[in-house]
N, C-alpha and C. Protein backbone atom coordinates (compact mmCIF):
# COMPACT_ATOMS: atom_id res chain seq x y z
N MET A 1 -1.38 7.02 -16.10
CA MET A 1 -0.43 7.80 -15.31
C MET A 1 -1.15 8.43 -14.12
N LEU A 2 -0.45 8.55 -13.04
CA LEU A 2 -0.99 9.12 -11.81
C LEU A 2 -0.80 10.63 -11.82
N ASP A 3 -1.87 11.37 -11.60
CA ASP A 3 -1.83 12.82 -11.56
C ASP A 3 -0.97 13.27 -10.37
N GLU A 4 0.08 14.04 -10.64
CA GLU A 4 1.01 14.46 -9.60
C GLU A 4 0.31 15.23 -8.48
N SER A 5 -0.75 15.96 -8.81
CA SER A 5 -1.44 16.75 -7.79
C SER A 5 -2.08 15.87 -6.71
N LEU A 6 -2.38 14.62 -7.05
CA LEU A 6 -2.97 13.70 -6.07
C LEU A 6 -1.94 13.20 -5.06
N VAL A 7 -0.68 13.32 -5.39
CA VAL A 7 0.38 12.76 -4.57
C VAL A 7 1.10 13.83 -3.74
N ARG A 8 0.93 15.06 -4.12
CA ARG A 8 1.70 16.17 -3.55
C ARG A 8 1.76 16.19 -2.02
N ASN A 9 0.65 15.88 -1.36
CA ASN A 9 0.58 15.99 0.10
C ASN A 9 0.54 14.64 0.81
N ILE A 10 0.90 13.59 0.12
CA ILE A 10 0.85 12.25 0.71
C ILE A 10 1.91 12.10 1.80
N CYS A 11 1.49 11.59 2.95
CA CYS A 11 2.41 11.35 4.09
C CYS A 11 2.46 9.89 4.49
N LEU A 12 1.45 9.11 4.07
CA LEU A 12 1.36 7.70 4.48
C LEU A 12 0.84 6.86 3.32
N VAL A 13 1.50 5.73 3.08
CA VAL A 13 1.00 4.75 2.13
C VAL A 13 0.73 3.47 2.91
N ALA A 14 -0.53 3.04 2.89
CA ALA A 14 -0.96 1.83 3.60
C ALA A 14 -1.30 0.77 2.56
N PHE A 15 -0.96 -0.46 2.89
CA PHE A 15 -1.16 -1.58 1.97
C PHE A 15 -1.91 -2.71 2.65
N ASP A 16 -2.81 -3.34 1.92
CA ASP A 16 -3.27 -4.67 2.29
C ASP A 16 -2.10 -5.60 2.01
N PHE A 17 -2.11 -6.80 2.54
CA PHE A 17 -1.00 -7.72 2.26
C PHE A 17 -1.38 -8.75 1.20
N ASP A 18 -2.33 -9.64 1.53
CA ASP A 18 -2.71 -10.71 0.60
C ASP A 18 -3.35 -10.09 -0.65
N GLY A 19 -2.77 -10.43 -1.80
CA GLY A 19 -3.29 -9.92 -3.06
C GLY A 19 -2.66 -8.61 -3.49
N VAL A 20 -1.87 -7.99 -2.62
CA VAL A 20 -1.15 -6.76 -2.96
C VAL A 20 0.35 -7.04 -2.95
N PHE A 21 0.86 -7.50 -1.83
CA PHE A 21 2.26 -7.95 -1.77
C PHE A 21 2.40 -9.34 -2.36
N THR A 22 1.31 -10.08 -2.40
CA THR A 22 1.32 -11.46 -2.92
C THR A 22 0.43 -11.58 -4.14
N ASP A 23 0.49 -12.72 -4.79
CA ASP A 23 -0.37 -12.98 -5.94
C ASP A 23 -1.73 -13.54 -5.51
N ASP A 24 -2.04 -13.42 -4.23
CA ASP A 24 -3.30 -13.85 -3.63
C ASP A 24 -3.44 -15.37 -3.57
N MET A 25 -2.32 -16.04 -3.74
CA MET A 25 -2.31 -17.50 -3.60
C MET A 25 -1.59 -17.84 -2.30
N VAL A 26 -1.96 -18.97 -1.73
CA VAL A 26 -1.30 -19.42 -0.50
C VAL A 26 -0.92 -20.88 -0.70
N TYR A 27 0.27 -21.22 -0.25
CA TYR A 27 0.72 -22.60 -0.28
C TYR A 27 0.53 -23.15 1.13
N VAL A 28 -0.25 -24.21 1.26
CA VAL A 28 -0.49 -24.82 2.56
C VAL A 28 0.32 -26.12 2.60
N HIS A 29 1.21 -26.20 3.57
CA HIS A 29 2.09 -27.35 3.68
C HIS A 29 1.45 -28.43 4.56
N GLN A 30 1.97 -29.65 4.48
CA GLN A 30 1.41 -30.78 5.21
C GLN A 30 1.30 -30.52 6.71
N ASP A 31 2.22 -29.74 7.24
CA ASP A 31 2.19 -29.46 8.69
C ASP A 31 1.22 -28.34 9.05
N GLY A 32 0.52 -27.80 8.03
CA GLY A 32 -0.46 -26.73 8.26
C GLY A 32 0.12 -25.33 8.13
N SER A 33 1.43 -25.24 8.02
CA SER A 33 2.03 -23.91 7.84
C SER A 33 1.74 -23.39 6.43
N GLU A 34 1.84 -22.08 6.30
CA GLU A 34 1.55 -21.45 5.02
C GLU A 34 2.78 -20.71 4.51
N SER A 35 2.84 -20.56 3.20
CA SER A 35 3.84 -19.69 2.59
C SER A 35 3.19 -18.98 1.41
N VAL A 36 3.78 -17.85 1.05
CA VAL A 36 3.26 -17.06 -0.06
C VAL A 36 4.44 -16.63 -0.93
N ARG A 37 4.12 -16.10 -2.08
CA ARG A 37 5.14 -15.61 -3.00
C ARG A 37 5.02 -14.10 -3.10
N CYS A 38 6.14 -13.40 -2.93
CA CYS A 38 6.17 -11.94 -2.99
C CYS A 38 7.18 -11.49 -4.04
N PHE A 39 7.06 -10.25 -4.44
CA PHE A 39 7.95 -9.65 -5.43
C PHE A 39 9.13 -8.99 -4.70
N ARG A 40 10.33 -9.41 -4.98
CA ARG A 40 11.51 -8.92 -4.26
C ARG A 40 11.76 -7.42 -4.47
N GLY A 41 11.38 -6.90 -5.62
CA GLY A 41 11.61 -5.49 -5.92
C GLY A 41 10.80 -4.53 -5.07
N ASP A 42 9.80 -5.05 -4.37
CA ASP A 42 8.99 -4.17 -3.51
C ASP A 42 9.84 -3.48 -2.46
N GLY A 43 10.84 -4.18 -1.95
CA GLY A 43 11.69 -3.62 -0.91
C GLY A 43 12.41 -2.35 -1.35
N ILE A 44 12.88 -2.33 -2.58
CA ILE A 44 13.56 -1.14 -3.10
C ILE A 44 12.57 0.02 -3.18
N GLY A 45 11.37 -0.26 -3.64
CA GLY A 45 10.35 0.79 -3.72
C GLY A 45 10.02 1.36 -2.35
N LEU A 46 9.89 0.49 -1.36
CA LEU A 46 9.58 0.95 0.00
C LEU A 46 10.73 1.77 0.58
N GLN A 47 11.97 1.40 0.24
CA GLN A 47 13.12 2.19 0.68
C GLN A 47 13.09 3.59 0.09
N LYS A 48 12.65 3.70 -1.17
CA LYS A 48 12.54 5.01 -1.81
C LYS A 48 11.55 5.89 -1.05
N LEU A 49 10.41 5.32 -0.68
CA LEU A 49 9.42 6.09 0.07
C LEU A 49 9.98 6.53 1.41
N ALA A 50 10.70 5.65 2.08
CA ALA A 50 11.28 5.99 3.38
C ALA A 50 12.25 7.16 3.24
N ARG A 51 13.07 7.15 2.18
CA ARG A 51 14.02 8.25 1.96
C ARG A 51 13.29 9.57 1.71
N LEU A 52 12.09 9.51 1.18
CA LEU A 52 11.30 10.71 0.93
C LEU A 52 10.50 11.15 2.15
N GLY A 53 10.60 10.38 3.24
CA GLY A 53 9.88 10.72 4.46
C GLY A 53 8.44 10.26 4.48
N ILE A 54 8.09 9.34 3.58
CA ILE A 54 6.73 8.81 3.51
C ILE A 54 6.64 7.60 4.44
N GLU A 55 5.70 7.62 5.36
CA GLU A 55 5.45 6.49 6.25
C GLU A 55 4.74 5.38 5.47
N THR A 56 4.97 4.13 5.87
CA THR A 56 4.31 2.99 5.24
C THR A 56 3.81 2.03 6.31
N VAL A 57 2.74 1.32 5.98
CA VAL A 57 2.17 0.35 6.92
C VAL A 57 1.42 -0.72 6.13
N ILE A 58 1.48 -1.94 6.63
CA ILE A 58 0.64 -3.03 6.14
C ILE A 58 -0.52 -3.17 7.11
N ILE A 59 -1.73 -3.23 6.58
CA ILE A 59 -2.91 -3.46 7.41
C ILE A 59 -3.59 -4.71 6.87
N SER A 60 -3.62 -5.77 7.68
CA SER A 60 -4.09 -7.06 7.23
C SER A 60 -5.21 -7.59 8.12
N THR A 61 -6.20 -8.17 7.50
CA THR A 61 -7.33 -8.76 8.22
C THR A 61 -6.89 -9.96 9.04
N GLU A 62 -5.97 -10.73 8.49
CA GLU A 62 -5.51 -11.94 9.16
C GLU A 62 -4.31 -11.68 10.06
N ALA A 63 -4.12 -12.56 11.02
CA ALA A 63 -2.88 -12.61 11.79
C ALA A 63 -2.10 -13.80 11.24
N ASN A 64 -0.97 -13.54 10.64
CA ASN A 64 -0.24 -14.59 9.96
C ASN A 64 1.27 -14.37 10.12
N PRO A 65 2.00 -15.37 10.58
CA PRO A 65 3.45 -15.21 10.74
C PRO A 65 4.16 -14.86 9.43
N VAL A 66 3.61 -15.26 8.30
CA VAL A 66 4.22 -14.92 7.01
C VAL A 66 4.22 -13.40 6.83
N VAL A 67 3.12 -12.75 7.19
CA VAL A 67 3.01 -11.30 7.06
C VAL A 67 4.01 -10.62 8.01
N THR A 68 4.08 -11.11 9.23
CA THR A 68 5.00 -10.56 10.21
C THR A 68 6.44 -10.64 9.72
N THR A 69 6.81 -11.79 9.20
CA THR A 69 8.18 -12.01 8.72
C THR A 69 8.50 -11.10 7.54
N ARG A 70 7.58 -11.01 6.59
CA ARG A 70 7.83 -10.16 5.40
C ARG A 70 7.91 -8.69 5.80
N ALA A 71 7.01 -8.25 6.66
CA ALA A 71 7.03 -6.85 7.10
C ALA A 71 8.33 -6.52 7.82
N ALA A 72 8.80 -7.43 8.66
CA ALA A 72 10.06 -7.21 9.37
C ALA A 72 11.23 -7.10 8.40
N LYS A 73 11.25 -7.97 7.40
CA LYS A 73 12.33 -7.95 6.42
C LYS A 73 12.32 -6.63 5.64
N LEU A 74 11.12 -6.13 5.33
CA LEU A 74 10.99 -4.89 4.58
C LEU A 74 11.11 -3.65 5.46
N LYS A 75 11.16 -3.86 6.77
CA LYS A 75 11.23 -2.75 7.74
C LYS A 75 10.01 -1.84 7.60
N ILE A 76 8.85 -2.47 7.53
CA ILE A 76 7.61 -1.74 7.39
C ILE A 76 6.69 -2.11 8.56
N ARG A 77 6.02 -1.13 9.09
CA ARG A 77 5.09 -1.36 10.19
C ARG A 77 3.98 -2.29 9.72
N CYS A 78 3.48 -3.10 10.63
CA CYS A 78 2.46 -4.09 10.28
C CYS A 78 1.40 -4.17 11.37
N ILE A 79 0.16 -4.02 10.97
CA ILE A 79 -0.98 -4.16 11.89
C ILE A 79 -1.81 -5.33 11.36
N GLN A 80 -1.98 -6.36 12.18
CA GLN A 80 -2.68 -7.56 11.75
C GLN A 80 -3.92 -7.82 12.59
N ASN A 81 -4.72 -8.78 12.09
CA ASN A 81 -5.94 -9.19 12.79
C ASN A 81 -6.90 -8.01 12.92
N VAL A 82 -7.01 -7.26 11.83
CA VAL A 82 -7.80 -6.04 11.81
C VAL A 82 -9.20 -6.35 11.29
N GLY A 83 -10.19 -6.05 12.10
CA GLY A 83 -11.57 -6.24 11.68
C GLY A 83 -12.11 -5.08 10.86
N ASP A 84 -11.59 -3.89 11.12
CA ASP A 84 -12.06 -2.67 10.45
C ASP A 84 -10.85 -1.89 9.96
N LYS A 85 -10.55 -2.02 8.67
CA LYS A 85 -9.36 -1.36 8.12
C LYS A 85 -9.49 0.15 8.15
N ARG A 86 -10.69 0.66 8.01
CA ARG A 86 -10.88 2.11 8.10
C ARG A 86 -10.48 2.61 9.49
N ALA A 87 -10.96 1.95 10.52
CA ALA A 87 -10.62 2.35 11.89
C ALA A 87 -9.12 2.25 12.13
N ALA A 88 -8.50 1.21 11.60
CA ALA A 88 -7.05 1.06 11.75
C ALA A 88 -6.32 2.22 11.06
N LEU A 89 -6.77 2.59 9.87
CA LEU A 89 -6.16 3.72 9.15
C LEU A 89 -6.36 5.02 9.91
N GLU A 90 -7.56 5.21 10.42
CA GLU A 90 -7.84 6.42 11.20
C GLU A 90 -6.91 6.51 12.40
N GLY A 91 -6.66 5.38 13.05
CA GLY A 91 -5.76 5.35 14.20
C GLY A 91 -4.33 5.71 13.83
N VAL A 92 -3.84 5.15 12.72
CA VAL A 92 -2.47 5.44 12.28
C VAL A 92 -2.37 6.92 11.88
N ALA A 93 -3.36 7.42 11.15
CA ALA A 93 -3.33 8.82 10.73
C ALA A 93 -3.34 9.75 11.95
N LYS A 94 -4.16 9.44 12.92
CA LYS A 94 -4.22 10.25 14.14
C LYS A 94 -2.87 10.22 14.86
N GLU A 95 -2.30 9.04 14.97
CA GLU A 95 -0.99 8.89 15.62
C GLU A 95 0.08 9.73 14.93
N LEU A 96 0.02 9.80 13.59
CA LEU A 96 1.00 10.55 12.82
C LEU A 96 0.65 12.03 12.71
N GLY A 97 -0.56 12.38 13.13
CA GLY A 97 -1.00 13.78 13.05
C GLY A 97 -1.29 14.23 11.64
N ILE A 98 -1.83 13.33 10.82
CA ILE A 98 -2.14 13.67 9.43
C ILE A 98 -3.62 13.41 9.14
N ALA A 99 -4.10 14.04 8.09
CA ALA A 99 -5.48 13.84 7.65
C ALA A 99 -5.55 12.62 6.74
N LEU A 100 -6.72 11.99 6.70
CA LEU A 100 -6.90 10.84 5.80
C LEU A 100 -6.73 11.24 4.33
N SER A 101 -6.91 12.50 4.03
CA SER A 101 -6.70 12.98 2.65
C SER A 101 -5.22 12.90 2.26
N GLN A 102 -4.34 12.71 3.23
CA GLN A 102 -2.90 12.59 2.98
C GLN A 102 -2.44 11.14 2.94
N VAL A 103 -3.41 10.23 2.80
CA VAL A 103 -3.12 8.79 2.86
C VAL A 103 -3.46 8.14 1.53
N VAL A 104 -2.60 7.21 1.11
CA VAL A 104 -2.85 6.29 0.00
C VAL A 104 -3.18 4.95 0.63
N PHE A 105 -4.19 4.27 0.10
CA PHE A 105 -4.41 2.88 0.49
C PHE A 105 -4.39 2.04 -0.77
N VAL A 106 -3.65 0.93 -0.73
CA VAL A 106 -3.56 0.01 -1.86
C VAL A 106 -4.22 -1.30 -1.46
N GLY A 107 -5.28 -1.67 -2.18
CA GLY A 107 -6.02 -2.87 -1.86
C GLY A 107 -6.36 -3.69 -3.09
N ASN A 108 -7.14 -4.74 -2.85
CA ASN A 108 -7.49 -5.62 -3.96
C ASN A 108 -8.85 -6.29 -3.85
N ASP A 109 -9.50 -6.24 -2.68
CA ASP A 109 -10.72 -7.03 -2.53
C ASP A 109 -11.76 -6.26 -1.71
N ILE A 110 -12.93 -6.85 -1.58
CA ILE A 110 -14.06 -6.13 -0.97
C ILE A 110 -13.81 -5.76 0.49
N ASN A 111 -12.99 -6.51 1.19
CA ASN A 111 -12.70 -6.14 2.58
C ASN A 111 -11.83 -4.89 2.68
N ASP A 112 -11.35 -4.41 1.54
CA ASP A 112 -10.55 -3.17 1.51
C ASP A 112 -11.40 -1.93 1.23
N LEU A 113 -12.67 -2.12 0.88
CA LEU A 113 -13.51 -0.98 0.50
C LEU A 113 -13.60 0.11 1.57
N PRO A 114 -13.82 -0.21 2.85
CA PRO A 114 -13.87 0.88 3.84
C PRO A 114 -12.60 1.72 3.86
N ALA A 115 -11.45 1.10 3.71
CA ALA A 115 -10.19 1.84 3.68
C ALA A 115 -10.06 2.64 2.39
N LEU A 116 -10.43 2.05 1.28
CA LEU A 116 -10.36 2.76 0.00
C LEU A 116 -11.26 3.99 -0.01
N HIS A 117 -12.40 3.89 0.64
CA HIS A 117 -13.36 5.00 0.64
C HIS A 117 -12.95 6.18 1.51
N CYS A 118 -12.06 5.98 2.45
CA CYS A 118 -11.76 7.06 3.41
C CYS A 118 -10.46 7.80 3.14
N VAL A 119 -9.69 7.39 2.16
CA VAL A 119 -8.37 8.00 1.93
C VAL A 119 -8.38 8.99 0.77
N GLY A 120 -7.32 9.77 0.70
CA GLY A 120 -7.20 10.74 -0.38
C GLY A 120 -6.90 10.12 -1.72
N LEU A 121 -6.18 9.00 -1.71
CA LEU A 121 -5.82 8.34 -2.97
C LEU A 121 -6.01 6.83 -2.86
N PRO A 122 -7.18 6.33 -3.28
CA PRO A 122 -7.42 4.89 -3.27
C PRO A 122 -6.85 4.24 -4.53
N ILE A 123 -6.02 3.22 -4.33
CA ILE A 123 -5.39 2.51 -5.43
C ILE A 123 -5.70 1.02 -5.31
N VAL A 124 -5.94 0.37 -6.45
CA VAL A 124 -6.10 -1.08 -6.47
C VAL A 124 -5.11 -1.68 -7.46
N VAL A 125 -4.76 -2.94 -7.22
CA VAL A 125 -3.84 -3.65 -8.11
C VAL A 125 -4.60 -4.08 -9.36
N SER A 126 -3.86 -4.41 -10.40
CA SER A 126 -4.49 -4.72 -11.69
C SER A 126 -5.42 -5.92 -11.63
N ASN A 127 -5.14 -6.86 -10.75
CA ASN A 127 -5.98 -8.06 -10.64
C ASN A 127 -6.95 -7.96 -9.47
N ALA A 128 -7.32 -6.74 -9.10
CA ALA A 128 -8.29 -6.55 -8.01
C ALA A 128 -9.64 -7.12 -8.41
N HIS A 129 -10.44 -7.44 -7.42
CA HIS A 129 -11.79 -7.93 -7.67
C HIS A 129 -12.57 -6.87 -8.45
N PRO A 130 -13.31 -7.26 -9.47
CA PRO A 130 -14.03 -6.28 -10.30
C PRO A 130 -14.95 -5.33 -9.52
N ASP A 131 -15.52 -5.80 -8.43
CA ASP A 131 -16.40 -4.93 -7.64
C ASP A 131 -15.64 -3.86 -6.88
N VAL A 132 -14.32 -3.97 -6.81
CA VAL A 132 -13.50 -3.02 -6.06
C VAL A 132 -12.88 -1.97 -7.00
N VAL A 133 -12.64 -2.35 -8.23
CA VAL A 133 -11.92 -1.49 -9.17
C VAL A 133 -12.58 -0.12 -9.32
N ARG A 134 -13.88 -0.08 -9.40
CA ARG A 134 -14.57 1.20 -9.64
C ARG A 134 -14.45 2.18 -8.46
N HIS A 135 -13.97 1.71 -7.33
CA HIS A 135 -13.82 2.56 -6.15
C HIS A 135 -12.43 3.18 -6.05
N ALA A 136 -11.59 2.91 -7.03
CA ALA A 136 -10.20 3.39 -7.00
C ALA A 136 -10.00 4.57 -7.94
N THR A 137 -9.09 5.43 -7.56
CA THR A 137 -8.67 6.53 -8.43
C THR A 137 -7.65 6.03 -9.44
N TYR A 138 -6.89 5.01 -9.04
CA TYR A 138 -5.83 4.49 -9.91
C TYR A 138 -5.77 2.97 -9.78
N GLN A 139 -5.57 2.30 -10.92
CA GLN A 139 -5.37 0.85 -10.94
C GLN A 139 -3.99 0.58 -11.51
N THR A 140 -3.20 -0.21 -10.81
CA THR A 140 -1.84 -0.48 -11.25
C THR A 140 -1.82 -1.29 -12.55
N ARG A 141 -0.71 -1.21 -13.25
CA ARG A 141 -0.50 -2.04 -14.44
C ARG A 141 -0.08 -3.45 -14.04
N TYR A 142 0.63 -3.54 -12.90
CA TYR A 142 1.12 -4.83 -12.43
C TYR A 142 0.15 -5.42 -11.40
N SER A 143 0.13 -6.72 -11.35
CA SER A 143 -0.77 -7.39 -10.41
C SER A 143 -0.09 -7.57 -9.06
N GLY A 144 -0.90 -7.90 -8.07
CA GLY A 144 -0.39 -8.16 -6.73
C GLY A 144 0.64 -9.28 -6.77
N GLY A 145 1.74 -9.09 -6.06
CA GLY A 145 2.80 -10.10 -6.02
C GLY A 145 3.68 -10.12 -7.25
N HIS A 146 3.39 -9.23 -8.20
CA HIS A 146 4.17 -9.18 -9.44
C HIS A 146 4.62 -7.76 -9.76
N GLY A 147 4.83 -6.96 -8.71
CA GLY A 147 5.37 -5.61 -8.93
C GLY A 147 4.41 -4.47 -8.66
N ALA A 148 3.20 -4.75 -8.21
CA ALA A 148 2.23 -3.67 -7.95
C ALA A 148 2.71 -2.72 -6.86
N VAL A 149 3.27 -3.26 -5.78
CA VAL A 149 3.76 -2.40 -4.69
C VAL A 149 4.89 -1.53 -5.20
N ARG A 150 5.81 -2.11 -5.92
CA ARG A 150 6.94 -1.34 -6.48
C ARG A 150 6.42 -0.26 -7.43
N GLU A 151 5.43 -0.59 -8.25
CA GLU A 151 4.86 0.38 -9.18
C GLU A 151 4.29 1.59 -8.42
N VAL A 152 3.54 1.33 -7.36
CA VAL A 152 2.96 2.42 -6.57
C VAL A 152 4.07 3.27 -5.97
N CYS A 153 5.07 2.63 -5.39
CA CYS A 153 6.19 3.37 -4.80
C CYS A 153 6.91 4.23 -5.83
N ASP A 154 7.17 3.65 -7.01
CA ASP A 154 7.86 4.39 -8.07
C ASP A 154 7.03 5.57 -8.56
N LEU A 155 5.72 5.38 -8.71
CA LEU A 155 4.85 6.47 -9.16
C LEU A 155 4.84 7.62 -8.16
N ILE A 156 4.75 7.28 -6.88
CA ILE A 156 4.74 8.31 -5.84
C ILE A 156 6.09 9.03 -5.81
N GLU A 157 7.17 8.26 -5.88
CA GLU A 157 8.50 8.87 -5.88
C GLU A 157 8.64 9.84 -7.06
N LYS A 158 8.27 9.40 -8.23
CA LYS A 158 8.41 10.23 -9.42
C LYS A 158 7.60 11.52 -9.29
N ALA A 159 6.37 11.40 -8.83
CA ALA A 159 5.50 12.57 -8.69
C ALA A 159 6.04 13.54 -7.63
N LEU A 160 6.51 13.00 -6.51
CA LEU A 160 7.02 13.87 -5.44
C LEU A 160 8.33 14.54 -5.84
N VAL A 161 9.21 13.82 -6.48
CA VAL A 161 10.48 14.40 -6.91
C VAL A 161 10.22 15.50 -7.93
N SER A 162 9.30 15.25 -8.86
CA SER A 162 8.94 16.24 -9.87
C SER A 162 8.33 17.49 -9.23
N THR A 163 7.41 17.27 -8.29
CA THR A 163 6.76 18.39 -7.61
C THR A 163 7.76 19.19 -6.81
N ARG A 164 8.63 18.52 -6.09
CA ARG A 164 9.64 19.22 -5.28
C ARG A 164 10.63 19.98 -6.16
N ALA A 165 10.97 19.42 -7.32
CA ALA A 165 11.87 20.11 -8.25
C ALA A 165 11.21 21.38 -8.79
N GLN A 166 9.92 21.30 -9.07
CA GLN A 166 9.20 22.49 -9.56
C GLN A 166 9.16 23.57 -8.49
N ILE A 167 8.96 23.17 -7.24
CA ILE A 167 8.91 24.14 -6.13
C ILE A 167 10.27 24.83 -5.98
N HIS A 168 11.35 24.04 -6.02
CA HIS A 168 12.69 24.61 -5.87
C HIS A 168 13.06 25.50 -7.06
N ALA A 169 12.54 25.20 -8.23
CA ALA A 169 12.83 26.00 -9.42
C ALA A 169 12.22 27.39 -9.29
N HIS A 170 11.14 27.50 -8.52
CA HIS A 170 10.46 28.78 -8.36
C HIS A 170 10.94 29.57 -7.15
N LEU A 171 11.87 29.03 -6.39
CA LEU A 171 12.38 29.73 -5.21
C LEU A 171 13.46 30.73 -5.57
């Protein structure tokens, strides 16, 4: 279970794409185009975060039309062709006027380590590379492409709703 105190001040949830929204597999077609498999329930989770006022972004090392298309469908900001995910996160946080301690990053592989190291709540998916798992505060029960994004969204929603209810109860 995710400690509610870790989520209380979260303003931004950033995600890697491959291996987080997907099962880290790619289908390469004869014409060279690629396709991936994603979990449809992620969209509902992302909508919940939006209703709570939580910003979301995909930060991906690759530039890929599949990522662009999925991000557009989910109505989530997407930054691609990123060489330094930490720098990209710092830029988004600065733009939003928030501290990195108010950011969640969800990753799965070694190229996510700089981003995982700089945020307030580093999360990895259940099938993350073993060398990355020890750098996370929380590891999802579900794997990438099989509900991990939805799980993170649901956990954050539950913690924030609970925290806000406690605050209102004391007013």
